[in-house]
Amino acid sequence: MKNPVTVASGTFGYGPEYADYIDLDRLGAVTVKGISVEPHIGNPTPRTFETASGMLNAIGLPGPGAQGFIDKTIPFYENYDVPLIVNIWGKTVEDYGRVAEILGAQERVGALEVNVSCPNVKEGGALYGTNVDLFRTVVDEVRAKTDIPIIVKLAPNVADIKAFAKAAEECGADGLAIMNSYPAMAIDIETRKPQLANRTGGLSGPAIKPIAIKLVWEAAQAVKIPIIGMGGITEPEDAVEFIMAGATAVAVGTANFTDPSSALRVIDGLERWMAGKNIGSVAELRGTVEA
């Protein structure tokens, strides 16, 4: 990564959707939305709902499948120099291995973000992310199927994030992504029905930032591998907070929906803030919170 700012998977499409609005090459990396072995439709609508200081989503990881992504999206990146991180998921442990093997063989793919924490997929996603033994089986399977870097995206709704961070490191993960959206729900009081067709979804945006900061801080004390911190980042100061908590890099997510240039604003603002404090590198800032 040429700078410590990427975008959170699921908030930036596959990249081409934003190419008319920002220069993708200015990003530290592009992290694309989840890819499974086979094409997937996702959840019925309505599948997003605005909340106070955030949003609920139950998109359900629709996507073109591994081969569709290879055929339609990877050629687009031949015109760019930005690193490409592909989020992957599966309904079974074997699915994780298959998609990791297929995409890991693509020269243009720089890393895989292993999504074991999505709260919206019924076929095992949340279970893998909240049971440490099953969690290990997924990371082991992915690690066995590819030699490229793997970044494990952790679930926030666990009793001890350190246990999962350590397990990922022990299983050969090269980095962690903390955190995914938080399981949540909203109700229409006139109809007495959930606001989402899926009933529950994932809460993201500024509302979850304090939770994410805590989890990054805890995990950073338990492992040596890098952490990409995410959850409610909208301004450069948010990125500083995550890095002070122990993150090596950050990802801008929900803010992309309201301002497509949010990640670039964070990059520029972070550079200015560090220069103003005479801080020469992120490494000097990382983990410096006095707690």
C-alpha atoms as a PDB file:
ATOM      1  CA  MET A   1       0.000   0.000   0.000  1.00  0.00           C
ATOM      2  CA  LYS A   2       1.370   3.391  -0.996  1.00  0.00           C
ATOM      3  CA  ASN A   3      -0.540   5.000   1.888  1.00  0.00           C
ATOM      4  CA  PRO A   4      -2.463   3.596   4.873  1.00  0.00           C
ATOM      5  CA  VAL A   5      -5.999   4.174   3.590  1.00  0.00           C
ATOM      6  CA  THR A   6      -8.178   1.671   1.735  1.00  0.00           C
ATOM      7  CA  VAL A   7     -11.952   1.306   1.412  1.00  0.00           C
ATOM      8  CA  ALA A   8     -14.125  -1.165   3.299  1.00  0.00           C
ATOM      9  CA  SER A   9     -15.494  -4.088   1.312  1.00  0.00           C
ATOM     10  CA  GLY A  10     -19.156  -3.755   0.429  1.00  0.00           C
ATOM     11  CA  THR A  11     -19.033   0.043   0.367  1.00  0.00           C
ATOM     12  CA  PHE A  12     -17.100   0.570  -2.867  1.00  0.00           C
ATOM     13  CA  GLY A  13     -18.583  -2.012  -5.212  1.00  0.00           C
ATOM     14  CA  TYR A  14     -15.821  -3.576  -7.287  1.00  0.00           C
ATOM     15  CA  GLY A  15     -14.069  -0.291  -8.000  1.00  0.00           C
ATOM     16  CA  PRO A  16     -15.318   0.712 -11.474  1.00  0.00           C
ATOM     17  CA  GLU A  17     -18.435   2.198  -9.852  1.00  0.00           C
ATOM     18  CA  TYR A  18     -16.268   4.921  -8.271  1.00  0.00           C
ATOM     19  CA  ALA A  19     -13.724   5.402 -11.048  1.00  0.00           C
ATOM     20  CA  ASP A  20     -15.607   8.367 -12.549  1.00  0.00           C
ATOM     21  CA  TYR A  21     -15.564  10.176  -9.205  1.00  0.00           C
ATOM     22  CA  ILE A  22     -12.068   9.656  -7.799  1.00  0.00           C
ATOM     23  CA  ASP A  23      -8.593   8.621  -8.936  1.00  0.00           C
ATOM     24  CA  LEU A  24      -8.371   5.019  -7.739  1.00  0.00           C
ATOM     25  CA  ASP A  25      -4.578   5.115  -7.943  1.00  0.00           C
ATOM     26  CA  ARG A  26      -4.502   7.548  -5.020  1.00  0.00           C
ATOM     27  CA  LEU A  27      -5.912   4.917  -2.672  1.00  0.00           C
ATOM     28  CA  GLY A  28      -3.644   2.740  -0.588  1.00  0.00           C
ATOM     29  CA  ALA A  29      -5.627  -0.211  -1.956  1.00  0.00           C
ATOM     30  CA  VAL A  30      -9.062  -1.020  -3.321  1.00  0.00           C
ATOM     31  CA  THR A  31     -10.930  -3.627  -1.283  1.00  0.00           C
ATOM     32  CA  VAL A  32     -13.813  -5.040  -3.310  1.00  0.00           C
ATOM     33  CA  LYS A  33     -17.115  -6.465  -2.110  1.00  0.00           C
ATOM     34  CA  GLY A  34     -17.440 -10.155  -1.275  1.00  0.00           C
ATOM     35  CA  ILE A  35     -16.824 -12.860  -3.859  1.00  0.00           C
ATOM     36  CA  SER A  36     -17.923 -16.477  -3.442  1.00  0.00           C
ATOM     37  CA  VAL A  37     -17.262 -19.476  -5.666  1.00  0.00           C
ATOM     38  CA  GLU A  38     -20.616 -19.264  -7.450  1.00  0.00           C
ATOM     39  CA  PRO A  39     -22.806 -16.251  -8.295  1.00  0.00           C
ATOM     40  CA  HIS A  40     -25.051 -15.164  -5.420  1.00  0.00           C
ATOM     41  CA  ILE A  41     -28.248 -13.105  -5.508  1.00  0.00           C
ATOM     42  CA  GLY A  42     -28.263 -11.696  -1.968  1.00  0.00           C
ATOM     43  CA  ASN A  43     -31.185 -10.759   0.253  1.00  0.00           C
ATOM     44  CA  PRO A  44     -34.597  -9.373  -0.731  1.00  0.00           C
ATOM     45  CA  THR A  45     -35.389  -5.667  -0.424  1.00  0.00           C
ATOM     46  CA  PRO A  46     -35.636  -3.483   1.557  1.00  0.00           C
ATOM     47  CA  ARG A  47     -32.082  -4.216   2.581  1.00  0.00           C
ATOM     48  CA  THR A  48     -30.787  -0.851   3.795  1.00  0.00           C
ATOM     49  CA  PHE A  49     -32.147   1.531   6.413  1.00  0.00           C
ATOM     50  CA  GLU A  50     -30.725   4.806   7.695  1.00  0.00           C
ATOM     51  CA  THR A  51     -30.269   5.060  11.462  1.00  0.00           C
ATOM     52  CA  ALA A  52     -28.994   7.751  13.827  1.00  0.00           C
ATOM     53  CA  SER A  53     -25.314   8.234  12.960  1.00  0.00           C
ATOM     54  CA  GLY A  54     -25.217   5.221  10.707  1.00  0.00           C
ATOM     55  CA  MET A  55     -27.068   2.701   8.616  1.00  0.00           C
ATOM     56  CA  LEU A  56     -28.356  -0.847   8.721  1.00  0.00           C
ATOM     57  CA  ASN A  57     -27.737  -3.135   5.804  1.00  0.00           C
ATOM     58  CA  ALA A  58     -28.664  -6.696   4.980  1.00  0.00           C
ATOM     59  CA  ILE A  59     -27.429  -6.805   1.396  1.00  0.00           C
ATOM     60  CA  GLY A  60     -26.559 -10.484   1.643  1.00  0.00           C
ATOM     61  CA  LEU A  61     -23.342 -10.478  -0.384  1.00  0.00           C
ATOM     62  CA  PRO A  62     -24.685 -10.572  -3.962  1.00  0.00           C
ATOM     63  CA  GLY A  63     -21.943 -11.108  -6.489  1.00  0.00           C
ATOM     64  CA  PRO A  64     -20.935 -12.580  -9.853  1.00  0.00           C
ATOM     65  CA  GLY A  65     -18.947 -15.496  -8.458  1.00  0.00           C
ATOM     66  CA  ALA A  66     -15.213 -16.043  -8.778  1.00  0.00           C
ATOM     67  CA  GLN A  67     -15.137 -16.611 -12.529  1.00  0.00           C
ATOM     68  CA  GLY A  68     -17.483 -13.706 -13.205  1.00  0.00           C
ATOM     69  CA  PHE A  69     -15.210 -11.445 -11.191  1.00  0.00           C
ATOM     70  CA  ILE A  70     -12.155 -12.672 -13.086  1.00  0.00           C
ATOM     71  CA  ASP A  71     -13.836 -12.152 -16.455  1.00  0.00           C
ATOM     72  CA  LYS A  72     -15.523  -8.798 -15.813  1.00  0.00           C
ATOM     73  CA  THR A  73     -13.548  -6.916 -13.185  1.00  0.00           C
ATOM     74  CA  ILE A  74      -9.899  -7.957 -13.145  1.00  0.00           C
ATOM     75  CA  PRO A  75      -9.288  -6.671 -16.720  1.00  0.00           C
ATOM     76  CA  PHE A  76     -10.445  -3.232 -15.528  1.00  0.00           C
ATOM     77  CA  TYR A  77      -7.508  -3.068 -13.110  1.00  0.00           C
ATOM     78  CA  GLU A  78      -4.916  -3.539 -15.830  1.00  0.00           C
ATOM     79  CA  ASN A  79      -5.218   0.242 -16.291  1.00  0.00           C
ATOM     80  CA  TYR A  80      -4.440   0.976 -12.634  1.00  0.00           C
ATOM     81  CA  ASP A  81      -1.490   0.630 -10.283  1.00  0.00           C
ATOM     82  CA  VAL A  82      -3.497   0.369  -7.061  1.00  0.00           C
ATOM     83  CA  PRO A  83      -3.215  -2.852  -4.999  1.00  0.00           C
ATOM     84  CA  LEU A  84      -6.320  -5.037  -5.173  1.00  0.00           C
ATOM     85  CA  ILE A  85      -7.707  -6.758  -2.068  1.00  0.00           C
ATOM     86  CA  VAL A  86     -10.578  -9.176  -2.713  1.00  0.00           C
ATOM     87  CA  ASN A  87     -13.037 -10.008   0.055  1.00  0.00           C
ATOM     88  CA  ILE A  88     -14.027 -13.697  -0.061  1.00  0.00           C
ATOM     89  CA  TRP A  89     -16.699 -15.775   1.647  1.00  0.00           C
ATOM     90  CA  GLY A  90     -18.269 -19.193   1.480  1.00  0.00           C
ATOM     91  CA  LYS A  91     -21.211 -21.250   2.630  1.00  0.00           C
ATOM     92  CA  THR A  92     -18.879 -24.076   3.670  1.00  0.00           C
ATOM     93  CA  VAL A  93     -15.240 -24.409   4.679  1.00  0.00           C
ATOM     94  CA  GLU A  94     -14.571 -26.058   1.333  1.00  0.00           C
ATOM     95  CA  ASP A  95     -16.098 -23.077  -0.476  1.00  0.00           C
ATOM     96  CA  TYR A  96     -13.642 -20.764   1.267  1.00  0.00           C
ATOM     97  CA  GLY A  97     -10.785 -22.937   0.080  1.00  0.00           C
ATOM     98  CA  ARG A  98     -12.034 -23.092  -3.495  1.00  0.00           C
ATOM     99  CA  VAL A  99     -12.524 -19.347  -3.907  1.00  0.00           C
ATOM    100  CA  ALA A 100      -9.159 -18.674  -2.242  1.00  0.00           C
ATOM    101  CA  GLU A 101      -7.438 -21.054  -4.630  1.00  0.00           C
ATOM    102  CA  ILE A 102      -9.109 -19.571  -7.709  1.00  0.00           C
ATOM    103  CA  LEU A 103      -8.544 -15.908  -6.861  1.00  0.00           C
ATOM    104  CA  GLY A 104      -5.165 -16.469  -5.242  1.00  0.00           C
ATOM    105  CA  ALA A 105      -3.900 -17.690  -8.610  1.00  0.00           C
ATOM    106  CA  GLN A 106      -4.755 -14.367 -10.257  1.00  0.00           C
ATOM    107  CA  GLU A 107      -1.637 -12.239 -10.621  1.00  0.00           C
ATOM    108  CA  ARG A 108      -3.582  -8.990 -10.275  1.00  0.00           C
ATOM    109  CA  VAL A 109      -5.024  -9.949  -6.870  1.00  0.00           C
ATOM    110  CA  GLY A 110      -2.702  -8.677  -4.140  1.00  0.00           C
ATOM    111  CA  ALA A 111      -4.424 -10.093  -1.062  1.00  0.00           C
ATOM    112  CA  LEU A 112      -7.578 -11.847   0.105  1.00  0.00           C
ATOM    113  CA  GLU A 113      -9.777 -10.492   2.887  1.00  0.00           C
ATOM    114  CA  VAL A 114     -11.447 -13.495   4.488  1.00  0.00           C
ATOM    115  CA  ASN A 115     -14.971 -12.585   5.550  1.00  0.00           C
ATOM    116  CA  VAL A 116     -15.921 -14.882   8.414  1.00  0.00           C
ATOM    117  CA  SER A 117     -17.899 -12.206  10.198  1.00  0.00           C
ATOM    118  CA  CYS A 118     -20.760 -11.025   8.003  1.00  0.00           C
ATOM    119  CA  PRO A 119     -23.937 -11.011  10.148  1.00  0.00           C
ATOM    120  CA  ASN A 120     -26.302 -11.067   7.150  1.00  0.00           C
ATOM    121  CA  VAL A 121     -25.585 -14.424   5.546  1.00  0.00           C
ATOM    122  CA  LYS A 122     -27.538 -17.329   6.987  1.00  0.00           C
ATOM    123  CA  GLU A 123     -25.371 -20.100   5.570  1.00  0.00           C
ATOM    124  CA  GLY A 124     -22.668 -20.023   8.239  1.00  0.00           C
ATOM    125  CA  GLY A 125     -21.001 -16.619   8.022  1.00  0.00           C
ATOM    126  CA  ALA A 126     -21.744 -15.470  11.546  1.00  0.00           C
ATOM    127  CA  LEU A 127     -21.138 -18.951  12.978  1.00  0.00           C
ATOM    128  CA  TYR A 128     -17.621 -19.172  11.582  1.00  0.00           C
ATOM    129  CA  GLY A 129     -16.793 -15.770  12.975  1.00  0.00           C
ATOM    130  CA  THR A 130     -18.037 -16.385  16.522  1.00  0.00           C
ATOM    131  CA  ASN A 131     -16.885 -19.961  17.177  1.00  0.00           C
ATOM    132  CA  VAL A 132     -13.112 -20.008  17.529  1.00  0.00           C
ATOM    133  CA  ASP A 133     -12.746 -23.674  16.547  1.00  0.00           C
ATOM    134  CA  LEU A 134     -14.725 -23.268  13.316  1.00  0.00           C
ATOM    135  CA  PHE A 135     -12.939 -19.975  12.758  1.00  0.00           C
ATOM    136  CA  ARG A 136      -9.623 -21.819  12.790  1.00  0.00           C
ATOM    137  CA  THR A 137     -10.839 -24.358  10.228  1.00  0.00           C
ATOM    138  CA  VAL A 138     -11.679 -21.586   7.770  1.00  0.00           C
ATOM    139  CA  VAL A 139      -8.386 -19.718   8.174  1.00  0.00           C
ATOM    140  CA  ASP A 140      -6.442 -22.994   7.966  1.00  0.00           C
ATOM    141  CA  GLU A 141      -8.281 -23.922   4.767  1.00  0.00           C
ATOM    142  CA  VAL A 142      -7.667 -20.575   3.094  1.00  0.00           C
ATOM    143  CA  ARG A 143      -4.024 -20.543   4.155  1.00  0.00           C
ATOM    144  CA  ALA A 144      -3.530 -24.026   2.700  1.00  0.00           C
ATOM    145  CA  LYS A 145      -4.992 -22.999  -0.674  1.00  0.00           C
ATOM    146  CA  THR A 146      -3.016 -19.826  -1.430  1.00  0.00           C
ATOM    147  CA  ASP A 147       0.373 -18.255  -0.853  1.00  0.00           C
ATOM    148  CA  ILE A 148      -0.746 -14.638  -1.265  1.00  0.00           C
ATOM    149  CA  PRO A 149      -1.408 -12.499   1.831  1.00  0.00           C
ATOM    150  CA  ILE A 150      -4.650 -13.188   3.682  1.00  0.00           C
ATOM    151  CA  ILE A 151      -6.354 -10.628   5.915  1.00  0.00           C
ATOM    152  CA  VAL A 152      -8.996 -12.049   8.247  1.00  0.00           C
ATOM    153  CA  LYS A 153     -11.980  -9.795   8.902  1.00  0.00           C
ATOM    154  CA  LEU A 154     -13.118 -10.325  12.481  1.00  0.00           C
ATOM    155  CA  ALA A 155     -16.642 -10.342  13.857  1.00  0.00           C
ATOM    156  CA  PRO A 156     -17.316  -7.670  16.520  1.00  0.00           C
ATOM    157  CA  ASN A 157     -19.937  -9.648  18.467  1.00  0.00           C
ATOM    158  CA  VAL A 158     -17.581 -11.958  20.355  1.00  0.00           C
ATOM    159  CA  ALA A 159     -16.741 -12.144  24.041  1.00  0.00           C
ATOM    160  CA  ASP A 160     -12.978 -11.835  23.534  1.00  0.00           C
ATOM    161  CA  ILE A 161     -11.597 -10.388  20.282  1.00  0.00           C
ATOM    162  CA  LYS A 162      -8.071 -11.288  21.394  1.00  0.00           C
ATOM    163  CA  ALA A 163      -8.816 -15.017  21.155  1.00  0.00           C
ATOM    164  CA  PHE A 164      -9.845 -14.693  17.504  1.00  0.00           C
ATOM    165  CA  ALA A 165      -6.969 -12.363  16.670  1.00  0.00           C
ATOM    166  CA  LYS A 166      -4.477 -14.840  18.137  1.00  0.00           C
ATOM    167  CA  ALA A 167      -6.134 -17.763  16.351  1.00  0.00           C
ATOM    168  CA  ALA A 168      -5.882 -15.979  13.007  1.00  0.00           C
ATOM    169  CA  GLU A 169      -2.209 -15.202  13.587  1.00  0.00           C
ATOM    170  CA  GLU A 170      -1.456 -18.778  14.647  1.00  0.00           C
ATOM    171  CA  CYS A 171      -3.203 -20.120  11.538  1.00  0.00           C
ATOM    172  CA  GLY A 172      -0.982 -18.058   9.252  1.00  0.00           C
ATOM    173  CA  ALA A 173      -2.981 -14.900   8.602  1.00  0.00           C
ATOM    174  CA  ASP A 174      -0.882 -11.973   7.395  1.00  0.00           C
ATOM    175  CA  GLY A 175      -3.192  -9.328   8.818  1.00  0.00           C
ATOM    176  CA  LEU A 176      -6.531  -8.577  10.441  1.00  0.00           C
ATOM    177  CA  ALA A 177      -9.447  -6.334   9.452  1.00  0.00           C
ATOM    178  CA  ILE A 178     -11.346  -4.992  12.467  1.00  0.00           C
ATOM    179  CA  MET A 179     -14.317  -4.655  12.448  1.00  0.00           C
ATOM    180  CA  ASN A 180     -17.314  -5.766  10.403  1.00  0.00           C
ATOM    181  CA  SER A 181     -20.753  -4.223  10.897  1.00  0.00           C
ATOM    182  CA  TYR A 182     -22.478  -4.936  14.205  1.00  0.00           C
ATOM    183  CA  PRO A 183     -25.634  -7.122  14.256  1.00  0.00           C
ATOM    184  CA  ALA A 184     -28.622  -4.866  14.830  1.00  0.00           C
ATOM    185  CA  MET A 185     -32.317  -4.301  14.114  1.00  0.00           C
ATOM    186  CA  ALA A 186     -34.855  -1.503  13.552  1.00  0.00           C
ATOM    187  CA  ILE A 187     -38.684  -1.641  13.639  1.00  0.00           C
ATOM    188  CA  ASP A 188     -41.352   0.367  11.823  1.00  0.00           C
ATOM    189  CA  ILE A 189     -43.687   1.260  14.695  1.00  0.00           C
ATOM    190  CA  GLU A 190     -46.629   1.884  12.341  1.00  0.00           C
ATOM    191  CA  THR A 191     -46.521  -1.512  10.626  1.00  0.00           C
ATOM    192  CA  ARG A 192     -44.854  -3.288  13.570  1.00  0.00           C
ATOM    193  CA  LYS A 193     -42.515  -4.957  11.109  1.00  0.00           C
ATOM    194  CA  PRO A 194     -38.720  -4.856  10.837  1.00  0.00           C
ATOM    195  CA  GLN A 195     -37.316  -2.144   8.585  1.00  0.00           C
ATOM    196  CA  LEU A 196     -35.272  -4.778   6.725  1.00  0.00           C
ATOM    197  CA  ALA A 197     -36.719  -7.714   4.809  1.00  0.00           C
ATOM    198  CA  ASN A 198     -34.030  -9.855   6.418  1.00  0.00           C
ATOM    199  CA  ARG A 199     -35.326  -8.653   9.832  1.00  0.00           C
ATOM    200  CA  THR A 200     -31.800  -7.994  11.136  1.00  0.00           C
ATOM    201  CA  GLY A 201     -28.713  -6.519   9.520  1.00  0.00           C
ATOM    202  CA  GLY A 202     -25.351  -4.964  10.192  1.00  0.00           C
ATOM    203  CA  LEU A 203     -24.983  -1.528  11.768  1.00  0.00           C
ATOM    204  CA  SER A 204     -22.201   0.625  10.286  1.00  0.00           C
ATOM    205  CA  GLY A 205     -21.177   4.274  10.229  1.00  0.00           C
ATOM    206  CA  PRO A 206     -20.079   6.702  12.976  1.00  0.00           C
ATOM    207  CA  ALA A 207     -22.306   4.978  15.553  1.00  0.00           C
ATOM    208  CA  ILE A 208     -19.963   1.978  15.749  1.00  0.00           C
ATOM    209  CA  LYS A 209     -16.617   3.804  15.825  1.00  0.00           C
ATOM    210  CA  PRO A 210     -16.097   3.611  19.613  1.00  0.00           C
ATOM    211  CA  ILE A 211     -16.731  -0.150  19.482  1.00  0.00           C
ATOM    212  CA  ALA A 212     -14.254  -0.567  16.643  1.00  0.00           C
ATOM    213  CA  ILE A 213     -11.593   1.521  18.399  1.00  0.00           C
ATOM    214  CA  LYS A 214     -11.859  -0.693  21.498  1.00  0.00           C
ATOM    215  CA  LEU A 215     -11.574  -3.901  19.484  1.00  0.00           C
ATOM    216  CA  VAL A 216      -8.560  -2.657  17.511  1.00  0.00           C
ATOM    217  CA  TRP A 217      -6.863  -1.604  20.752  1.00  0.00           C
ATOM    218  CA  GLU A 218      -7.495  -4.990  22.371  1.00  0.00           C
ATOM    219  CA  ALA A 219      -6.393  -7.018  19.343  1.00  0.00           C
ATOM    220  CA  ALA A 220      -3.255  -4.932  18.821  1.00  0.00           C
ATOM    221  CA  GLN A 221      -2.068  -5.905  22.281  1.00  0.00           C
ATOM    222  CA  ALA A 222      -2.458  -9.592  21.482  1.00  0.00           C
ATOM    223  CA  VAL A 223      -0.859 -10.007  18.032  1.00  0.00           C
ATOM    224  CA  LYS A 224       2.096  -8.807  15.984  1.00  0.00           C
ATOM    225  CA  ILE A 225       0.473  -8.917  12.537  1.00  0.00           C
ATOM    226  CA  PRO A 226      -0.882  -5.652  11.042  1.00  0.00           C
ATOM    227  CA  ILE A 227      -4.447  -4.525  11.607  1.00  0.00           C
ATOM    228  CA  ILE A 228      -6.646  -2.580   9.186  1.00  0.00           C
ATOM    229  CA  GLY A 229      -9.004  -0.605  11.411  1.00  0.00           C
ATOM    230  CA  MET A 230     -12.482   0.336  10.223  1.00  0.00           C
ATOM    231  CA  GLY A 231     -15.862   1.387  11.513  1.00  0.00           C
ATOM    232  CA  GLY A 232     -17.279   4.888  11.226  1.00  0.00           C
ATOM    233  CA  ILE A 233     -14.266   6.642   9.703  1.00  0.00           C
ATOM    234  CA  THR A 234     -15.403   9.856   8.023  1.00  0.00           C
ATOM    235  CA  GLU A 235     -12.634  12.334   8.786  1.00  0.00           C
ATOM    236  CA  PRO A 236      -8.809  12.261   9.024  1.00  0.00           C
ATOM    237  CA  GLU A 237      -9.002  12.553  12.809  1.00  0.00           C
ATOM    238  CA  ASP A 238     -10.905   9.263  12.907  1.00  0.00           C
ATOM    239  CA  ALA A 239      -8.023   7.577  11.109  1.00  0.00           C
ATOM    240  CA  VAL A 240      -5.564   9.036  13.616  1.00  0.00           C
ATOM    241  CA  GLU A 241      -7.604   7.567  16.440  1.00  0.00           C
ATOM    242  CA  PHE A 242      -7.540   4.085  14.915  1.00  0.00           C
ATOM    243  CA  ILE A 243      -3.790   4.247  14.317  1.00  0.00           C
ATOM    244  CA  MET A 244      -3.153   5.414  17.871  1.00  0.00           C
ATOM    245  CA  ALA A 245      -5.205   2.419  19.025  1.00  0.00           C
ATOM    246  CA  GLY A 246      -2.857   0.101  17.137  1.00  0.00           C
ATOM    247  CA  ALA A 247      -3.983  -0.061  13.498  1.00  0.00           C
ATOM    248  CA  THR A 248      -1.382  -0.044  10.723  1.00  0.00           C
ATOM    249  CA  ALA A 249      -3.926   1.048   8.110  1.00  0.00           C
ATOM    250  CA  VAL A 250      -7.583   2.079   7.984  1.00  0.00           C
ATOM    251  CA  ALA A 251     -10.574   1.560   5.714  1.00  0.00           C
ATOM    252  CA  VAL A 252     -13.269   4.113   4.909  1.00  0.00           C
ATOM    253  CA  GLY A 253     -16.678   2.478   4.556  1.00  0.00           C
ATOM    254  CA  THR A 254     -20.161   3.940   4.957  1.00  0.00           C
ATOM    255  CA  ALA A 255     -18.844   7.457   4.326  1.00  0.00           C
ATOM    256  CA  ASN A 256     -18.308   6.448   0.677  1.00  0.00           C
ATOM    257  CA  PHE A 257     -22.087   6.431   0.191  1.00  0.00           C
ATOM    258  CA  THR A 258     -22.484  10.081   1.153  1.00  0.00           C
ATOM    259  CA  ASP A 259     -19.226  11.396  -0.308  1.00  0.00           C
ATOM    260  CA  PRO A 260     -17.316   9.272  -2.853  1.00  0.00           C
ATOM    261  CA  SER A 261     -14.160  11.283  -2.158  1.00  0.00           C
ATOM    262  CA  SER A 262     -14.151  10.490   1.563  1.00  0.00           C
ATOM    263  CA  ALA A 263     -11.119   8.193   1.394  1.00  0.00           C
ATOM    264  CA  LEU A 264      -9.083  10.808  -0.483  1.00  0.00           C
ATOM    265  CA  ARG A 265     -10.053  13.436   2.083  1.00  0.00           C
ATOM    266  CA  VAL A 266      -8.840  11.112   4.836  1.00  0.00           C
ATOM    267  CA  ILE A 267      -5.551  10.487   2.994  1.00  0.00           C
ATOM    268  CA  ASP A 268      -4.857  14.200   2.500  1.00  0.00           C
ATOM    269  CA  GLY A 269      -5.962  15.158   5.986  1.00  0.00           C
ATOM    270  CA  LEU A 270      -3.914  12.430   7.636  1.00  0.00           C
ATOM    271  CA  GLU A 271      -0.815  13.621   5.799  1.00  0.00           C
ATOM    272  CA  ARG A 272      -1.424  17.214   6.908  1.00  0.00           C
ATOM    273  CA  TRP A 273      -2.080  16.217  10.504  1.00  0.00           C
ATOM    274  CA  MET A 274       1.096  14.140  10.712  1.00  0.00           C
ATOM    275  CA  ALA A 275       3.170  16.869   9.080  1.00  0.00           C
ATOM    276  CA  GLY A 276       1.820  19.389  11.568  1.00  0.00           C
ATOM    277  CA  LYS A 277       2.921  17.149  14.421  1.00  0.00           C
ATOM    278  CA  ASN A 278       6.307  16.396  12.818  1.00  0.00           C
ATOM    279  CA  ILE A 279       5.405  12.716  12.561  1.00  0.00           C
ATOM    280  CA  GLY A 280       7.253  11.145   9.652  1.00  0.00           C
ATOM    281  CA  SER A 281       5.535   7.770   9.388  1.00  0.00           C
ATOM    282  CA  VAL A 282       2.487   5.861  10.556  1.00  0.00           C
ATOM    283  CA  ALA A 283       4.815   3.547  12.474  1.00  0.00           C
ATOM    284  CA  GLU A 284       5.702   6.454  14.779  1.00  0.00           C
ATOM    285  CA  LEU A 285       2.010   6.981  15.553  1.00  0.00           C
ATOM    286  CA  ARG A 286       0.792   3.391  15.724  1.00  0.00           C
ATOM    287  CA  GLY A 287      -0.201   2.157  19.160  1.00  0.00           C
ATOM    288  CA  THR A 288       0.786   5.353  20.957  1.00  0.00           C
ATOM    289  CA  VAL A 289      -2.403   5.750  22.975  1.00  0.00           C
ATOM    290  CA  GLU A 290      -1.462   6.099  26.634  1.00  0.00           C
ATOM    291  CA  ALA A 291      -3.917   3.637  28.121  1.00  0.00           C
END
